[in-house]
């Protein structure tokens, strides 16, 4: 990465606005690169790497505009220098823009990580033989629906006509989650702190599982909603 004066630009976000040229290595041959990616976020914009994942990883409101501007400039330079513009490819915004980097510099192919792992472990047949599917995540929220593992499991369960419930350390955006899960249970509520929830996770999970068992009895014989197509890099395209 080179600046306008030909000097090397350190490849970190705060220095990217100084990037002017990209000099490929003399031997740029790379093996085929297959990337497992479970989110479909583009690089930029309201659903992009900065807006969605920046706050999660500690970026404050003052840092976000700089990060977004830096990534936009980065994408513009790549489009000009390498003659490829992949900023809007589903998954380009994954892992803070790592998806975009792998696409741009490695010629990578993005594939649903969930689908890849599901095939490897025979998840389809396991769910088909089950009466109830149980999944979970540290925090169940709107991002869960962006293609994360629990959502992939829920979509597959729905497709196979099986009820599916999810447990989360915390649950946010419960109404949206209700579109794909038959039940959503949070270990932490307003009455306890995060520290207490972590310390007493086992007993909390047992109590929530008991509630889920009661609720599951009412699910028996109920009509499963029509399946919703998951947002994976393949079918999004």
Protein backbone atom coordinates (compact mmCIF):
# COMPACT_ATOMS: atom_id res chain seq x y z
CA UNK A 1 0.00 0.00 0.00
CA UNK A 2 1.58 3.28 -1.12
CA UNK A 3 0.81 6.93 -0.46
CA UNK A 4 0.97 9.77 -2.97
CA UNK A 5 4.65 10.26 -2.15
CA UNK A 6 5.42 6.60 -2.83
CA UNK A 7 5.94 5.81 0.83
CA UNK A 8 4.45 2.68 2.39
CA UNK A 9 1.09 3.20 4.11
CA UNK A 10 0.54 1.11 7.22
CA UNK A 11 -2.62 -0.95 6.50
CA UNK A 12 -4.73 0.12 9.46
CA UNK A 13 -8.00 2.08 9.26
CA UNK A 14 -6.63 5.42 10.51
CA UNK A 15 -4.00 5.44 7.74
CA UNK A 16 -6.18 4.25 4.85
CA UNK A 17 -7.23 7.80 3.81
CA UNK A 18 -3.58 8.33 2.76
CA UNK A 19 -3.67 5.31 0.42
CA UNK A 20 -3.11 6.27 -3.23
CA UNK A 21 -1.70 3.21 -4.98
CA UNK A 22 -1.63 -0.56 -4.55
CA UNK A 23 1.39 -2.43 -5.83
CA UNK A 24 0.63 -6.15 -6.27
CA UNK A 25 3.36 -8.68 -5.43
CA UNK A 26 5.51 -9.88 -8.33
CA UNK A 27 4.23 -13.40 -7.89
CA UNK A 28 0.54 -12.97 -7.23
CA UNK A 29 -0.45 -16.60 -7.86
CA UNK A 30 -2.68 -17.92 -5.11
CA UNK A 31 -4.43 -21.25 -4.56
CA UNK A 32 -8.20 -21.46 -4.78
CA UNK A 33 -9.63 -19.74 -1.70
CA UNK A 34 -12.97 -20.84 -0.27
CA UNK A 35 -14.26 -18.73 2.61
CA UNK A 36 -17.00 -19.82 4.99
CA UNK A 37 -19.12 -16.76 5.73
CA UNK A 38 -22.43 -16.61 7.57
CA UNK A 39 -23.37 -12.94 7.21
CA UNK A 40 -24.49 -11.13 4.08
CA UNK A 41 -23.57 -7.58 5.06
CA UNK A 42 -21.94 -5.43 2.36
CA UNK A 43 -18.79 -3.48 3.12
CA UNK A 44 -20.39 -0.01 3.45
CA UNK A 45 -23.62 1.67 4.44
CA UNK A 46 -26.20 1.15 7.19
CA UNK A 47 -25.82 -2.64 7.02
CA UNK A 48 -22.07 -2.52 6.42
CA UNK A 49 -19.06 -3.55 8.46
CA UNK A 50 -18.68 -0.27 10.36
CA UNK A 51 -22.34 0.35 11.22
CA UNK A 52 -23.16 -3.20 12.25
CA UNK A 53 -19.96 -4.63 13.71
CA UNK A 54 -18.04 -1.50 14.77
CA UNK A 55 -20.02 -0.83 17.97
CA UNK A 56 -19.89 -4.53 18.83
CA UNK A 57 -16.11 -4.46 18.75
CA UNK A 58 -15.69 -1.29 20.79
CA UNK A 59 -15.80 1.55 18.24
CA UNK A 60 -17.44 4.64 19.74
CA UNK A 61 -19.66 7.12 17.93
CA UNK A 62 -16.69 9.38 17.20
CA UNK A 63 -14.70 6.57 15.54
CA UNK A 64 -17.47 5.26 13.30
CA UNK A 65 -17.41 8.08 10.68
CA UNK A 66 -13.61 7.76 10.31
CA UNK A 67 -13.84 4.00 9.93
CA UNK A 68 -16.59 4.27 7.30
CA UNK A 69 -14.75 6.99 5.37
CA UNK A 70 -11.52 4.96 5.47
CA UNK A 71 -13.21 1.83 4.13
CA UNK A 72 -14.96 3.84 1.39
CA UNK A 73 -11.65 5.34 0.27
CA UNK A 74 -10.05 1.89 0.43
CA UNK A 75 -12.78 0.45 -1.81
CA UNK A 76 -12.45 3.34 -4.26
CA UNK A 77 -8.68 2.85 -4.56
CA UNK A 78 -9.08 -0.90 -5.11
CA UNK A 79 -11.71 -0.28 -7.80
CA UNK A 80 -9.34 2.13 -9.59
CA UNK A 81 -6.09 0.22 -9.12
CA UNK A 82 -7.21 -3.41 -9.37
CA UNK A 83 -10.21 -2.88 -11.69
CA UNK A 84 -12.60 -4.74 -9.40
CA UNK A 85 -15.32 -3.35 -7.15
CA UNK A 86 -16.72 -5.93 -4.76
CA UNK A 87 -17.95 -3.67 -1.95
CA UNK A 88 -21.60 -4.63 -2.46
CA UNK A 89 -21.12 -8.40 -2.61
CA UNK A 90 -23.11 -10.08 0.19
CA UNK A 91 -20.56 -10.99 2.86
CA UNK A 92 -18.04 -8.29 1.91
CA UNK A 93 -18.65 -6.64 5.29
CA UNK A 94 -18.04 -9.82 7.30
CA UNK A 95 -15.46 -9.66 10.08
CA UNK A 96 -14.94 -5.91 9.77
CA UNK A 97 -14.47 -6.07 6.01
CA UNK A 98 -12.30 -9.19 5.89
CA UNK A 99 -14.75 -10.65 3.39
CA UNK A 100 -14.07 -7.70 1.08
CA UNK A 101 -10.31 -8.13 1.45
CA UNK A 102 -10.42 -11.82 0.65
CA UNK A 103 -12.64 -11.19 -2.36
CA UNK A 104 -10.47 -8.35 -3.65
CA UNK A 105 -6.97 -9.68 -3.04
CA UNK A 106 -7.38 -13.47 -2.99
CA UNK A 107 -10.13 -13.98 -5.58
CA UNK A 108 -12.01 -15.83 -2.88
CA UNK A 109 -15.39 -17.53 -3.18
CA UNK A 110 -17.75 -16.94 -0.26
CA UNK A 111 -19.86 -19.87 0.79
CA UNK A 112 -22.34 -20.20 3.64
CA UNK A 113 -20.41 -21.47 6.63
CA UNK A 114 -23.59 -22.88 8.06
CA UNK A 115 -24.34 -24.91 4.93
CA UNK A 116 -20.77 -26.21 4.81
CA UNK A 117 -20.77 -27.36 8.44
CA UNK A 118 -24.34 -28.69 8.22
CA UNK A 119 -23.33 -30.95 5.35
CA UNK A 120 -20.24 -32.15 7.22
CA UNK A 121 -22.14 -33.17 10.38
CA UNK A 122 -25.31 -34.52 8.71
CA UNK A 123 -27.53 -31.88 10.32
CA UNK A 124 -30.40 -32.38 7.88
CA UNK A 125 -30.89 -36.03 8.85
CA UNK A 126 -30.42 -35.31 12.56
CA UNK A 127 -33.18 -32.70 12.52
CA UNK A 128 -35.42 -34.92 10.42
CA UNK A 129 -35.25 -37.59 13.14
CA UNK A 130 -35.94 -35.12 15.97
CA UNK A 131 -39.15 -33.99 17.67
CA UNK A 132 -37.79 -30.65 18.87
CA UNK A 133 -34.78 -28.62 17.75
CA UNK A 134 -32.90 -26.59 20.36
CA UNK A 135 -30.24 -24.01 19.54
CA UNK A 136 -28.67 -20.98 21.19
CA UNK A 137 -26.28 -18.04 21.15
CA UNK A 138 -24.66 -15.67 23.63
CA UNK A 139 -26.93 -12.84 22.50
CA UNK A 140 -29.96 -13.45 20.31
CA UNK A 141 -30.84 -10.28 18.41
CA UNK A 142 -31.41 -8.89 14.94
CA UNK A 143 -27.92 -9.93 13.87
CA UNK A 144 -28.89 -13.55 14.50
CA UNK A 145 -31.18 -13.22 11.50
CA UNK A 146 -28.30 -12.07 9.26
CA UNK A 147 -27.29 -15.68 8.65
CA UNK A 148 -25.75 -16.79 11.95
CA UNK A 149 -25.78 -20.44 13.00
CA UNK A 150 -28.97 -20.40 15.13
CA UNK A 151 -30.91 -18.81 12.27
CA UNK A 152 -29.59 -21.40 9.81
CA UNK A 153 -30.71 -24.16 12.16
CA UNK A 154 -34.13 -22.54 12.53
CA UNK A 155 -34.64 -22.19 8.78
CA UNK A 156 -33.67 -25.83 8.23
CA UNK A 157 -35.96 -26.98 11.04
CA UNK A 158 -38.85 -24.99 9.61
CA UNK A 159 -38.21 -26.43 6.17
CA UNK A 160 -38.45 -29.92 7.66
CA UNK A 161 -41.57 -29.09 9.68
CA UNK A 162 -39.90 -29.30 13.10
CA UNK A 163 -40.48 -26.87 15.98
CA UNK A 164 -37.37 -24.95 17.06
CA UNK A 165 -36.56 -23.00 20.22
CA UNK A 166 -33.53 -20.89 21.10
CA UNK A 167 -31.77 -19.99 24.34
CA UNK A 168 -29.66 -16.86 24.67
CA UNK A 169 -27.61 -15.31 27.42
CA UNK A 170 -29.56 -12.19 26.45
CA UNK A 171 -32.44 -11.71 24.02
CA UNK A 172 -33.03 -8.47 22.12
CA UNK A 173 -35.51 -7.74 19.31
CA UNK A 174 -37.70 -10.61 20.44
CA UNK A 175 -40.47 -9.80 17.96
CA UNK A 176 -38.14 -10.19 14.99
CA UNK A 177 -36.77 -13.46 16.39
CA UNK A 178 -40.32 -14.74 16.70
CA UNK A 179 -40.46 -14.89 12.90
CA UNK A 180 -38.24 -17.97 12.86
CA UNK A 181 -38.25 -19.44 16.38
CA UNK A 182 -41.23 -21.06 18.09
CA UNK A 183 -39.81 -20.01 21.46
CA UNK A 184 -37.01 -17.71 22.62
CA UNK A 185 -35.66 -17.84 26.18
CA UNK A 186 -33.20 -15.46 27.84
CA UNK A 187 -31.02 -16.49 30.77
CA UNK A 188 -30.58 -12.88 31.82
CA UNK A 189 -33.48 -10.57 32.53
CA UNK A 190 -33.75 -7.13 34.12
CA UNK A 191 -33.76 -8.62 37.60
CA UNK A 192 -30.18 -9.94 37.47
CA UNK A 193 -26.81 -8.64 36.38
CA UNK A 194 -24.64 -10.06 33.61
CA UNK A 195 -22.19 -11.30 36.23
CA UNK A 196 -24.94 -13.19 38.05
CA UNK A 197 -26.21 -14.67 34.81
CA UNK A 198 -22.72 -15.95 33.96
CA UNK A 199 -22.12 -17.32 37.46
CA UNK A 200 -25.51 -19.06 37.65
CA UNK A 201 -25.80 -19.99 33.97
CA UNK A 202 -26.32 -23.70 34.62
CA UNK A 203 -29.23 -23.30 37.04
CA UNK A 204 -30.77 -20.53 34.95
CA UNK A 205 -30.61 -22.71 31.86
CA UNK A 206 -32.28 -25.58 33.71
CA UNK A 207 -35.17 -23.34 34.74
CA UNK A 208 -35.55 -21.93 31.24
CA UNK A 209 -35.43 -25.44 29.79
CA UNK A 210 -38.26 -26.44 32.09
CA UNK A 211 -40.31 -23.49 30.79
CA UNK A 212 -39.49 -24.49 27.24
CA UNK A 213 -40.63 -28.05 27.91
CA UNK A 214 -44.02 -26.79 29.10
CA UNK A 215 -44.31 -24.52 26.09
CA UNK A 216 -43.28 -27.34 23.76
CA UNK A 217 -46.25 -29.38 24.90
CA UNK A 218 -48.49 -26.64 23.53
CA UNK A 219 -46.56 -26.65 20.25
CA UNK A 220 -47.47 -30.28 19.62
CA UNK A 221 -50.13 -30.37 16.99
CA UNK A 222 -49.85 -26.66 16.24
CA UNK A 223 -49.27 -25.56 12.70
CA UNK A 224 -45.67 -24.68 11.88
CA UNK A 225 -45.45 -21.35 10.01
CA UNK A 226 -44.36 -21.40 6.40
CA UNK A 227 -40.60 -21.68 6.02
CA UNK A 228 -38.62 -18.50 5.45
CA UNK A 229 -35.66 -18.59 3.11
CA UNK A 230 -32.38 -17.97 4.97
CA UNK A 231 -30.12 -15.07 4.00
CA UNK A 232 -26.98 -16.82 2.81
CA UNK A 233 -24.42 -15.45 0.36
CA UNK A 234 -25.62 -17.93 -2.28
CA UNK A 235 -29.35 -17.32 -2.33
CA UNK A 236 -28.98 -13.62 -1.57
CA UNK A 237 -27.16 -13.27 -4.89
